[in-house]
Amino acid sequence: MVATTVVHVDNVWLTSLSRNGNALDIQGEAASINSVANFITQLKRSGYFDNVEIKQATEDDIVPAVETYGFSMTAAIVPPTPAKTQPTGASQPPPQPAKGGRS
């Protein structure tokens, strides 16, 4: 899910990802502080991560002609919730046509 989230955020590149129990340590580079903020937002919105906290974000000069920001953060992995299942043998009523619609 981290990879899917990175794909949806422009100008963010992960350089390190490690898991420690139910927490992730994430390091990366971004073209702007806004990109880092967008990445945090997308991690939270995914529903797979909680307590996403930035530890550090600083401008660096990996490539002197390009402004980039190195960042590190942590995120707690949200345990999956069990899917609701119906008891064996239970059945649902057949769907009904919408009121005023054609049947």
PDB file of N, CA and C in Angstrom:
ATOM      1  N   MET A   1       0.815  -1.194   0.000  1.00  0.00           N
ATOM      2  CA  MET A   1       0.000   0.000   0.000  1.00  0.00           C
ATOM      3  C   MET A   1       0.861   1.261   0.000  1.00  0.00           C
ATOM      4  N   VAL A   2       2.038   1.200   0.568  1.00  0.00           N
ATOM      5  CA  VAL A   2       2.934   2.363   0.533  1.00  0.00           C
ATOM      6  C   VAL A   2       3.291   2.696  -0.913  1.00  0.00           C
ATOM      7  N   ALA A   3       3.611   1.684  -1.697  1.00  0.00           N
ATOM      8  CA  ALA A   3       3.968   1.909  -3.105  1.00  0.00           C
ATOM      9  C   ALA A   3       2.804   2.523  -3.868  1.00  0.00           C
ATOM     10  N   THR A   4       1.605   2.050  -3.623  1.00  0.00           N
ATOM     11  CA  THR A   4       0.427   2.602  -4.282  1.00  0.00           C
ATOM     12  C   THR A   4       0.236   4.067  -3.905  1.00  0.00           C
ATOM     13  N   THR A   5       0.486   4.398  -2.654  1.00  0.00           N
ATOM     14  CA  THR A   5       0.337   5.777  -2.192  1.00  0.00           C
ATOM     15  C   THR A   5       1.380   6.678  -2.835  1.00  0.00           C
ATOM     16  N   VAL A   6       2.617   6.221  -2.935  1.00  0.00           N
ATOM     17  CA  VAL A   6       3.677   7.028  -3.549  1.00  0.00           C
ATOM     18  C   VAL A   6       3.341   7.337  -4.997  1.00  0.00           C
ATOM     19  N   VAL A   7       2.776   6.386  -5.696  1.00  0.00           N
ATOM     20  CA  VAL A   7       2.423   6.578  -7.103  1.00  0.00           C
ATOM     21  C   VAL A   7       1.409   7.710  -7.260  1.00  0.00           C
ATOM     22  N   HIS A   8       0.557   7.915  -6.270  1.00  0.00           N
ATOM     23  CA  HIS A   8      -0.490   8.932  -6.356  1.00  0.00           C
ATOM     24  C   HIS A   8      -0.042  10.322  -5.906  1.00  0.00           C
ATOM     25  N   VAL A   9       1.227  10.462  -5.533  1.00  0.00           N
ATOM     26  CA  VAL A   9       1.746  11.756  -5.090  1.00  0.00           C
ATOM     27  C   VAL A   9       2.882  12.158  -6.031  1.00  0.00           C
ATOM     28  N   ASP A  10       2.795  13.370  -6.557  1.00  0.00           N
ATOM     29  CA  ASP A  10       3.834  13.855  -7.469  1.00  0.00           C
ATOM     30  C   ASP A  10       5.108  14.199  -6.713  1.00  0.00           C
ATOM     31  N   ASN A  11       6.235  13.886  -7.324  1.00  0.00           N
ATOM     32  CA  ASN A  11       7.547  14.337  -6.871  1.00  0.00           C
ATOM     33  C   ASN A  11       7.956  13.859  -5.485  1.00  0.00           C
ATOM     34  N   VAL A  12       7.643  12.610  -5.159  1.00  0.00           N
ATOM     35  CA  VAL A  12       8.104  11.986  -3.920  1.00  0.00           C
ATOM     36  C   VAL A  12       8.792  10.683  -4.290  1.00  0.00           C
ATOM     37  N   TRP A  13       9.993  10.477  -3.730  1.00  0.00           N
ATOM     38  CA  TRP A  13      10.757   9.264  -3.978  1.00  0.00           C
ATOM     39  C   TRP A  13      11.204   8.691  -2.640  1.00  0.00           C
ATOM     40  N   LEU A  14      10.912   7.432  -2.402  1.00  0.00           N
ATOM     41  CA  LEU A  14      11.329   6.789  -1.157  1.00  0.00           C
ATOM     42  C   LEU A  14      12.739   6.246  -1.318  1.00  0.00           C
ATOM     43  N   THR A  15      13.565   6.463  -0.294  1.00  0.00           N
ATOM     44  CA  THR A  15      14.933   5.963  -0.316  1.00  0.00           C
ATOM     45  C   THR A  15      15.126   4.817   0.666  1.00  0.00           C
ATOM     46  N   SER A  16      14.233   4.712   1.657  1.00  0.00           N
ATOM     47  CA  SER A  16      14.340   3.645   2.641  1.00  0.00           C
ATOM     48  C   SER A  16      12.979   3.403   3.271  1.00  0.00           C
ATOM     49  N   LEU A  17      12.682   2.133   3.477  1.00  0.00           N
ATOM     50  CA  LEU A  17      11.431   1.746   4.123  1.00  0.00           C
ATOM     51  C   LEU A  17      11.728   0.525   4.980  1.00  0.00           C
ATOM     52  N   SER A  18      11.457   0.628   6.269  1.00  0.00           N
ATOM     53  CA  SER A  18      11.676  -0.521   7.144  1.00  0.00           C
ATOM     54  C   SER A  18      10.498  -0.661   8.100  1.00  0.00           C
ATOM     55  N   ARG A  19      10.264  -1.903   8.484  1.00  0.00           N
ATOM     56  CA  ARG A  19       9.153  -2.195   9.390  1.00  0.00           C
ATOM     57  C   ARG A  19       9.720  -2.605  10.739  1.00  0.00           C
ATOM     58  N   ASN A  20       9.151  -2.049  11.788  1.00  0.00           N
ATOM     59  CA  ASN A  20       9.532  -2.378  13.147  1.00  0.00           C
ATOM     60  C   ASN A  20       8.252  -2.692  13.905  1.00  0.00           C
ATOM     61  N   GLY A  21       7.879  -3.965  13.972  1.00  0.00           N
ATOM     62  CA  GLY A  21       6.607  -4.345  14.582  1.00  0.00           C
ATOM     63  C   GLY A  21       5.463  -3.861  13.721  1.00  0.00           C
ATOM     64  N   ASN A  22       4.576  -3.066  14.290  1.00  0.00           N
ATOM     65  CA  ASN A  22       3.440  -2.520  13.544  1.00  0.00           C
ATOM     66  C   ASN A  22       3.679  -1.073  13.114  1.00  0.00           C
ATOM     67  N   ALA A  23       4.946  -0.690  12.996  1.00  0.00           N
ATOM     68  CA  ALA A  23       5.276   0.674  12.581  1.00  0.00           C
ATOM     69  C   ALA A  23       6.238   0.641  11.400  1.00  0.00           C
ATOM     70  N   LEU A  24       6.133   1.654  10.566  1.00  0.00           N
ATOM     71  CA  LEU A  24       7.040   1.819   9.436  1.00  0.00           C
ATOM     72  C   LEU A  24       7.926   3.032   9.672  1.00  0.00           C
ATOM     73  N   ASP A  25       9.189   2.909   9.309  1.00  0.00           N
ATOM     74  CA  ASP A  25      10.105   4.042   9.251  1.00  0.00           C
ATOM     75  C   ASP A  25      10.326   4.315   7.773  1.00  0.00           C
ATOM     76  N   ILE A  26      10.039   5.539   7.353  1.00  0.00           N
ATOM     77  CA  ILE A  26      10.091   5.906   5.943  1.00  0.00           C
ATOM     78  C   ILE A  26      11.046   7.083   5.771  1.00  0.00           C
ATOM     79  N   GLN A  27      11.971   6.959   4.806  1.00  0.00           N
ATOM     80  CA  GLN A  27      12.848   8.059   4.436  1.00  0.00           C
ATOM     81  C   GLN A  27      12.692   8.278   2.939  1.00  0.00           C
ATOM     82  N   GLY A  28      12.833   9.539   2.541  1.00  0.00           N
ATOM     83  CA  GLY A  28      12.702   9.820   1.123  1.00  0.00           C
ATOM     84  C   GLY A  28      13.145  11.210   0.748  1.00  0.00           C
ATOM     85  N   GLU A  29      12.901  11.530  -0.501  1.00  0.00           N
ATOM     86  CA  GLU A  29      13.208  12.840  -1.080  1.00  0.00           C
ATOM     87  C   GLU A  29      11.946  13.360  -1.752  1.00  0.00           C
ATOM     88  N   ALA A  30      11.809  14.671  -1.790  1.00  0.00           N
ATOM     89  CA  ALA A  30      10.653  15.292  -2.433  1.00  0.00           C
ATOM     90  C   ALA A  30      11.088  16.598  -3.090  1.00  0.00           C
ATOM     91  N   ALA A  31      10.356  16.999  -4.104  1.00  0.00           N
ATOM     92  CA  ALA A  31      10.663  18.239  -4.813  1.00  0.00           C
ATOM     93  C   ALA A  31      10.192  19.467  -4.037  1.00  0.00           C
ATOM     94  N   SER A  32       9.276  19.267  -3.075  1.00  0.00           N
ATOM     95  CA  SER A  32       8.785  20.402  -2.289  1.00  0.00           C
ATOM     96  C   SER A  32       8.227  19.904  -0.962  1.00  0.00           C
ATOM     97  N   ILE A  33       8.088  20.820  -0.037  1.00  0.00           N
ATOM     98  CA  ILE A  33       7.466  20.476   1.250  1.00  0.00           C
ATOM     99  C   ILE A  33       6.007  20.106   1.026  1.00  0.00           C
ATOM    100  N   ASN A  34       5.352  20.744   0.041  1.00  0.00           N
ATOM    101  CA  ASN A  34       3.955  20.396  -0.260  1.00  0.00           C
ATOM    102  C   ASN A  34       3.828  18.941  -0.697  1.00  0.00           C
ATOM    103  N   SER A  35       4.805  18.430  -1.429  1.00  0.00           N
ATOM    104  CA  SER A  35       4.780  17.022  -1.839  1.00  0.00           C
ATOM    105  C   SER A  35       4.852  16.105  -0.629  1.00  0.00           C
ATOM    106  N   VAL A  36       5.674  16.476   0.351  1.00  0.00           N
ATOM    107  CA  VAL A  36       5.759  15.685   1.593  1.00  0.00           C
ATOM    108  C   VAL A  36       4.410  15.710   2.310  1.00  0.00           C
ATOM    109  N   ALA A  37       3.811  16.889   2.409  1.00  0.00           N
ATOM    110  CA  ALA A  37       2.498  17.013   3.065  1.00  0.00           C
ATOM    111  C   ALA A  37       1.443  16.195   2.331  1.00  0.00           C
ATOM    112  N   ASN A  38       1.466  16.210   0.998  1.00  0.00           N
ATOM    113  CA  ASN A  38       0.506  15.419   0.218  1.00  0.00           C
ATOM    114  C   ASN A  38       0.702  13.926   0.456  1.00  0.00           C
ATOM    115  N   PHE A  39       1.953  13.493   0.590  1.00  0.00           N
ATOM    116  CA  PHE A  39       2.239  12.088   0.862  1.00  0.00           C
ATOM    117  C   PHE A  39       1.661  11.683   2.222  1.00  0.00           C
ATOM    118  N   ILE A  40       1.843  12.521   3.223  1.00  0.00           N
ATOM    119  CA  ILE A  40       1.290  12.248   4.550  1.00  0.00           C
ATOM    120  C   ILE A  40      -0.227  12.146   4.470  1.00  0.00           C
ATOM    121  N   THR A  41      -0.851  13.080   3.779  1.00  0.00           N
ATOM    122  CA  THR A  41      -2.309  13.074   3.626  1.00  0.00           C
ATOM    123  C   THR A  41      -2.781  11.794   2.953  1.00  0.00           C
ATOM    124  N   GLN A  42      -2.101  11.383   1.887  1.00  0.00           N
ATOM    125  CA  GLN A  42      -2.508  10.173   1.170  1.00  0.00           C
ATOM    126  C   GLN A  42      -2.320   8.923   2.022  1.00  0.00           C
ATOM    127  N   LEU A  43      -1.260   8.870   2.827  1.00  0.00           N
ATOM    128  CA  LEU A  43      -1.081   7.727   3.726  1.00  0.00           C
ATOM    129  C   LEU A  43      -2.246   7.639   4.707  1.00  0.00           C
ATOM    130  N   LYS A  44      -2.640   8.778   5.273  1.00  0.00           N
ATOM    131  CA  LYS A  44      -3.757   8.797   6.229  1.00  0.00           C
ATOM    132  C   LYS A  44      -5.066   8.409   5.557  1.00  0.00           C
ATOM    133  N   ARG A  45      -5.301   8.917   4.356  1.00  0.00           N
ATOM    134  CA  ARG A  45      -6.553   8.639   3.646  1.00  0.00           C
ATOM    135  C   ARG A  45      -6.664   7.182   3.191  1.00  0.00           C
ATOM    136  N   SER A  46      -5.547   6.502   3.052  1.00  0.00           N
ATOM    137  CA  SER A  46      -5.571   5.118   2.559  1.00  0.00           C
ATOM    138  C   SER A  46      -6.319   4.178   3.500  1.00  0.00           C
ATOM    139  N   GLY A  47      -6.366   4.522   4.783  1.00  0.00           N
ATOM    140  CA  GLY A  47      -7.011   3.654   5.759  1.00  0.00           C
ATOM    141  C   GLY A  47      -6.106   2.543   6.262  1.00  0.00           C
ATOM    142  N   TYR A  48      -4.900   2.429   5.709  1.00  0.00           N
ATOM    143  CA  TYR A  48      -3.961   1.392   6.118  1.00  0.00           C
ATOM    144  C   TYR A  48      -2.948   1.879   7.149  1.00  0.00           C
ATOM    145  N   PHE A  49      -2.882   3.204   7.365  1.00  0.00           N
ATOM    146  CA  PHE A  49      -1.873   3.765   8.256  1.00  0.00           C
ATOM    147  C   PHE A  49      -2.510   4.776   9.208  1.00  0.00           C
ATOM    148  N   ASP A  50      -1.935   4.852  10.389  1.00  0.00           N
ATOM    149  CA  ASP A  50      -2.421   5.761  11.418  1.00  0.00           C
ATOM    150  C   ASP A  50      -1.191   6.385  12.086  1.00  0.00           C
ATOM    151  N   ASN A  51      -1.396   7.450  12.820  1.00  0.00           N
ATOM    152  CA  ASN A  51      -0.294   8.115  13.526  1.00  0.00           C
ATOM    153  C   ASN A  51       0.885   8.395  12.599  1.00  0.00           C
ATOM    154  N   VAL A  52       0.606   8.950  11.447  1.00  0.00           N
ATOM    155  CA  VAL A  52       1.669   9.316  10.513  1.00  0.00           C
ATOM    156  C   VAL A  52       2.316  10.586  11.044  1.00  0.00           C
ATOM    157  N   GLU A  53       3.606  10.493  11.356  1.00  0.00           N
ATOM    158  CA  GLU A  53       4.303  11.631  11.961  1.00  0.00           C
ATOM    159  C   GLU A  53       5.608  11.904  11.228  1.00  0.00           C
ATOM    160  N   ILE A  54       5.794  13.161  10.867  1.00  0.00           N
ATOM    161  CA  ILE A  54       7.039  13.579  10.229  1.00  0.00           C
ATOM    162  C   ILE A  54       8.071  13.755  11.337  1.00  0.00           C
ATOM    163  N   LYS A  55       9.232  13.168  11.165  1.00  0.00           N
ATOM    164  CA  LYS A  55      10.309  13.339  12.143  1.00  0.00           C
ATOM    165  C   LYS A  55      11.230  14.464  11.716  1.00  0.00           C
ATOM    166  N   GLN A  56      11.474  14.562  10.392  1.00  0.00           N
ATOM    167  CA  GLN A  56      12.381  15.577   9.893  1.00  0.00           C
ATOM    168  C   GLN A  56      12.107  15.830   8.416  1.00  0.00           C
ATOM    169  N   ALA A  57      12.210  17.086   8.020  1.00  0.00           N
ATOM    170  CA  ALA A  57      12.146  17.473   6.606  1.00  0.00           C
ATOM    171  C   ALA A  57      13.067  18.679   6.437  1.00  0.00           C
ATOM    172  N   THR A  58      14.115  18.486   5.649  1.00  0.00           N
ATOM    173  CA  THR A  58      15.085  19.563   5.459  1.00  0.00           C
ATOM    174  C   THR A  58      15.460  19.688   3.985  1.00  0.00           C
ATOM    175  N   GLU A  59      15.742  20.916   3.599  1.00  0.00           N
ATOM    176  CA  GLU A  59      16.214  21.133   2.238  1.00  0.00           C
ATOM    177  C   GLU A  59      17.630  20.571   2.133  1.00  0.00           C
ATOM    178  N   ASP A  60      17.896  19.871   1.056  1.00  0.00           N
ATOM    179  CA  ASP A  60      19.237  19.324   0.858  1.00  0.00           C
ATOM    180  C   ASP A  60      19.727  19.680  -0.541  1.00  0.00           C
ATOM    181  N   ASP A  61      21.005  19.422  -0.779  1.00  0.00           N
ATOM    182  CA  ASP A  61      21.546  19.732  -2.100  1.00  0.00           C
ATOM    183  C   ASP A  61      22.166  18.491  -2.726  1.00  0.00           C
ATOM    184  N   ILE A  62      21.355  17.460  -2.867  1.00  0.00           N
ATOM    185  CA  ILE A  62      21.818  16.258  -3.555  1.00  0.00           C
ATOM    186  C   ILE A  62      22.207  16.622  -4.979  1.00  0.00           C
ATOM    187  N   VAL A  63      21.355  17.397  -5.638  1.00  0.00           N
ATOM    188  CA  VAL A  63      21.667  17.959  -6.955  1.00  0.00           C
ATOM    189  C   VAL A  63      21.632  19.474  -6.774  1.00  0.00           C
ATOM    190  N   PRO A  64      22.785  20.150  -6.808  1.00  0.00           N
ATOM    191  CA  PRO A  64      22.834  21.583  -6.485  1.00  0.00           C
ATOM    192  C   PRO A  64      21.887  22.467  -7.294  1.00  0.00           C
ATOM    193  N   ALA A  65      21.602  22.128  -8.531  1.00  0.00           N
ATOM    194  CA  ALA A  65      20.756  22.980  -9.366  1.00  0.00           C
ATOM    195  C   ALA A  65      19.264  22.748  -9.124  1.00  0.00           C
ATOM    196  N   VAL A  66      18.918  21.731  -8.321  1.00  0.00           N
ATOM    197  CA  VAL A  66      17.513  21.380  -8.096  1.00  0.00           C
ATOM    198  C   VAL A  66      17.220  21.422  -6.600  1.00  0.00           C
ATOM    199  N   GLU A  67      16.141  22.095  -6.241  1.00  0.00           N
ATOM    200  CA  GLU A  67      15.736  22.168  -4.843  1.00  0.00           C
ATOM    201  C   GLU A  67      15.019  20.878  -4.467  1.00  0.00           C
ATOM    202  N   THR A  68      15.536  20.160  -3.473  1.00  0.00           N
ATOM    203  CA  THR A  68      14.895  18.941  -2.983  1.00  0.00           C
ATOM    204  C   THR A  68      14.884  18.955  -1.459  1.00  0.00           C
ATOM    205  N   TYR A  69      14.014  18.145  -0.903  1.00  0.00           N
ATOM    206  CA  TYR A  69      13.860  18.047   0.542  1.00  0.00           C
ATOM    207  C   TYR A  69      13.968  16.593   0.959  1.00  0.00           C
ATOM    208  N   GLY A  70      14.854  16.315   1.899  1.00  0.00           N
ATOM    209  CA  GLY A  70      14.936  14.990   2.487  1.00  0.00           C
ATOM    210  C   GLY A  70      13.963  14.929   3.646  1.00  0.00           C
ATOM    211  N   PHE A  71      13.316  13.790   3.829  1.00  0.00           N
ATOM    212  CA  PHE A  71      12.370  13.665   4.941  1.00  0.00           C
ATOM    213  C   PHE A  71      12.457  12.280   5.550  1.00  0.00           C
ATOM    214  N   SER A  72      12.038  12.212   6.812  1.00  0.00           N
ATOM    215  CA  SER A  72      11.872  10.927   7.483  1.00  0.00           C
ATOM    216  C   SER A  72      10.594  11.006   8.294  1.00  0.00           C
ATOM    217  N   MET A  73       9.895   9.888   8.359  1.00  0.00           N
ATOM    218  CA  MET A  73       8.624   9.851   9.074  1.00  0.00           C
ATOM    219  C   MET A  73       8.362   8.450   9.583  1.00  0.00           C
ATOM    220  N   THR A  74       7.368   8.355  10.443  1.00  0.00           N
ATOM    221  CA  THR A  74       6.909   7.060  10.922  1.00  0.00           C
ATOM    222  C   THR A  74       5.411   6.964  10.674  1.00  0.00           C
ATOM    223  N   ALA A  75       4.930   5.745  10.576  1.00  0.00           N
ATOM    224  CA  ALA A  75       3.494   5.502  10.399  1.00  0.00           C
ATOM    225  C   ALA A  75       3.158   4.167  11.050  1.00  0.00           C
ATOM    226  N   ALA A  76       2.076   4.140  11.786  1.00  0.00           N
ATOM    227  CA  ALA A  76       1.599   2.896  12.385  1.00  0.00           C
ATOM    228  C   ALA A  76       0.734   2.166  11.366  1.00  0.00           C
ATOM    229  N   ILE A  77       0.917   0.863  11.295  1.00  0.00           N
ATOM    230  CA  ILE A  77       0.114   0.043  10.390  1.00  0.00           C
ATOM    231  C   ILE A  77      -1.196  -0.294  11.095  1.00  0.00           C
ATOM    232  N   VAL A  78      -2.312   0.009  10.439  1.00  0.00           N
ATOM    233  CA  VAL A  78      -3.627  -0.275  11.007  1.00  0.00           C
ATOM    234  C   VAL A  78      -3.934  -1.753  10.772  1.00  0.00           C
ATOM    235  N   PRO A  79      -4.243  -2.498  11.842  1.00  0.00           N
ATOM    236  CA  PRO A  79      -4.574  -3.905  11.634  1.00  0.00           C
ATOM    237  C   PRO A  79      -5.841  -4.043  10.802  1.00  0.00           C
ATOM    238  N   PRO A  80      -5.875  -5.046   9.929  1.00  0.00           N
ATOM    239  CA  PRO A  80      -7.077  -5.224   9.102  1.00  0.00           C
ATOM    240  C   PRO A  80      -8.272  -5.592   9.966  1.00  0.00           C
ATOM    241  N   THR A  81      -9.425  -5.069   9.579  1.00  0.00           N
ATOM    242  CA  THR A  81     -10.646  -5.418  10.293  1.00  0.00           C
ATOM    243  C   THR A  81     -11.257  -6.642   9.632  1.00  0.00           C
ATOM    244  N   PRO A  82     -11.774  -7.558  10.430  1.00  0.00           N
ATOM    245  CA  PRO A  82     -12.368  -8.753   9.821  1.00  0.00           C
ATOM    246  C   PRO A  82     -13.588  -8.374   8.995  1.00  0.00           C
ATOM    247  N   ALA A  83     -13.720  -9.029   7.866  1.00  0.00           N
ATOM    248  CA  ALA A  83     -14.868  -8.771   6.988  1.00  0.00           C
ATOM    249  C   ALA A  83     -16.121  -9.305   7.644  1.00  0.00           C
ATOM    250  N   LYS A  84     -17.182  -8.555   7.509  1.00  0.00           N
ATOM    251  CA  LYS A  84     -18.455  -9.010   8.051  1.00  0.00           C
ATOM    252  C   LYS A  84     -19.014 -10.087   7.133  1.00  0.00           C
ATOM    253  N   THR A  85     -19.312 -11.207   7.708  1.00  0.00           N
ATOM    254  CA  THR A  85     -19.885 -12.298   6.922  1.00  0.00           C
ATOM    255  C   THR A  85     -21.238 -12.655   7.486  1.00  0.00           C
ATOM    256  N   GLN A  86     -22.057 -13.190   6.625  1.00  0.00           N
ATOM    257  CA  GLN A  86     -23.384 -13.621   7.059  1.00  0.00           C
ATOM    258  C   GLN A  86     -23.279 -15.041   7.592  1.00  0.00           C
ATOM    259  N   PRO A  87     -24.116 -15.386   8.565  1.00  0.00           N
ATOM    260  CA  PRO A  87     -24.109 -16.753   9.059  1.00  0.00           C
ATOM    261  C   PRO A  87     -24.450 -17.723   7.925  1.00  0.00           C
ATOM    262  N   THR A  88     -23.909 -18.912   8.034  1.00  0.00           N
ATOM    263  CA  THR A  88     -24.159 -19.931   7.015  1.00  0.00           C
ATOM    264  C   THR A  88     -25.653 -20.193   6.911  1.00  0.00           C
ATOM    265  N   GLY A  89     -26.146 -20.265   5.690  1.00  0.00           N
ATOM    266  CA  GLY A  89     -27.560 -20.543   5.455  1.00  0.00           C
ATOM    267  C   GLY A  89     -28.423 -19.299   5.428  1.00  0.00           C
ATOM    268  N   ALA A  90     -27.866 -18.148   5.805  1.00  0.00           N
ATOM    269  CA  ALA A  90     -28.664 -16.921   5.784  1.00  0.00           C
ATOM    270  C   ALA A  90     -28.773 -16.430   4.348  1.00  0.00           C
ATOM    271  N   SER A  91     -29.927 -15.917   4.012  1.00  0.00           N
ATOM    272  CA  SER A  91     -30.103 -15.389   2.672  1.00  0.00           C
ATOM    273  C   SER A  91     -30.663 -13.985   2.753  1.00  0.00           C
ATOM    274  N   GLN A  92     -30.371 -13.207   1.718  1.00  0.00           N
ATOM    275  CA  GLN A  92     -30.880 -11.848   1.649  1.00  0.00           C
ATOM    276  C   GLN A  92     -32.083 -11.835   0.726  1.00  0.00           C
ATOM    277  N   PRO A  93     -33.019 -10.920   0.985  1.00  0.00           N
ATOM    278  CA  PRO A  93     -34.165 -10.823   0.086  1.00  0.00           C
ATOM    279  C   PRO A  93     -33.708 -10.336  -1.282  1.00  0.00           C
ATOM    280  N   PRO A  94     -34.422 -10.718  -2.344  1.00  0.00           N
ATOM    281  CA  PRO A  94     -34.020 -10.279  -3.679  1.00  0.00           C
ATOM    282  C   PRO A  94     -34.144  -8.764  -3.803  1.00  0.00           C
ATOM    283  N   PRO A  95     -33.304  -8.138  -4.618  1.00  0.00           N
ATOM    284  CA  PRO A  95     -33.380  -6.689  -4.787  1.00  0.00           C
ATOM    285  C   PRO A  95     -34.716  -6.288  -5.397  1.00  0.00           C
ATOM    286  N   GLN A  96     -35.211  -5.151  -4.953  1.00  0.00           N
ATOM    287  CA  GLN A  96     -36.491  -4.621  -5.446  1.00  0.00           C
ATOM    288  C   GLN A  96     -36.211  -3.511  -6.443  1.00  0.00           C
ATOM    289  N   PRO A  97     -37.079  -3.357  -7.460  1.00  0.00           N
ATOM    290  CA  PRO A  97     -36.873  -2.263  -8.414  1.00  0.00           C
ATOM    291  C   PRO A  97     -37.063  -0.925  -7.711  1.00  0.00           C
ATOM    292  N   ALA A  98     -36.391   0.097  -8.223  1.00  0.00           N
ATOM    293  CA  ALA A  98     -36.530   1.432  -7.680  1.00  0.00           C
ATOM    294  C   ALA A  98     -37.959   1.928  -7.860  1.00  0.00           C
ATOM    295  N   LYS A  99     -38.424   2.714  -6.906  1.00  0.00           N
ATOM    296  CA  LYS A  99     -39.775   3.261  -7.005  1.00  0.00           C
ATOM    297  C   LYS A  99     -39.858   4.180  -8.210  1.00  0.00           C
ATOM    298  N   GLY A 100     -40.898   4.023  -8.974  1.00  0.00           N
ATOM    299  CA  GLY A 100     -41.117   4.868 -10.141  1.00  0.00           C
ATOM    300  C   GLY A 100     -40.289   4.441 -11.337  1.00  0.00           C
ATOM    301  N   GLY A 101     -39.513   3.398 -11.166  1.00  0.00           N
ATOM    302  CA  GLY A 101     -38.678   2.948 -12.282  1.00  0.00           C
ATOM    303  C   GLY A 101     -39.353   1.820 -13.031  1.00  0.00           C
ATOM    304  N   ARG A 102     -38.767   1.426 -14.091  1.00  0.00           N
ATOM    305  CA  ARG A 102     -39.293   0.312 -14.873  1.00  0.00           C
ATOM    306  C   ARG A 102     -38.832  -0.998 -14.256  1.00  0.00           C
ATOM    307  N   SER A 103     -39.654  -2.019 -14.394  1.00  0.00           N
ATOM    308  CA  SER A 103     -39.242  -3.319 -13.863  1.00  0.00           C
ATOM    309  C   SER A 103     -39.118  -4.314 -14.970  1.00  0.00           C
TER     310      SER A 103
END
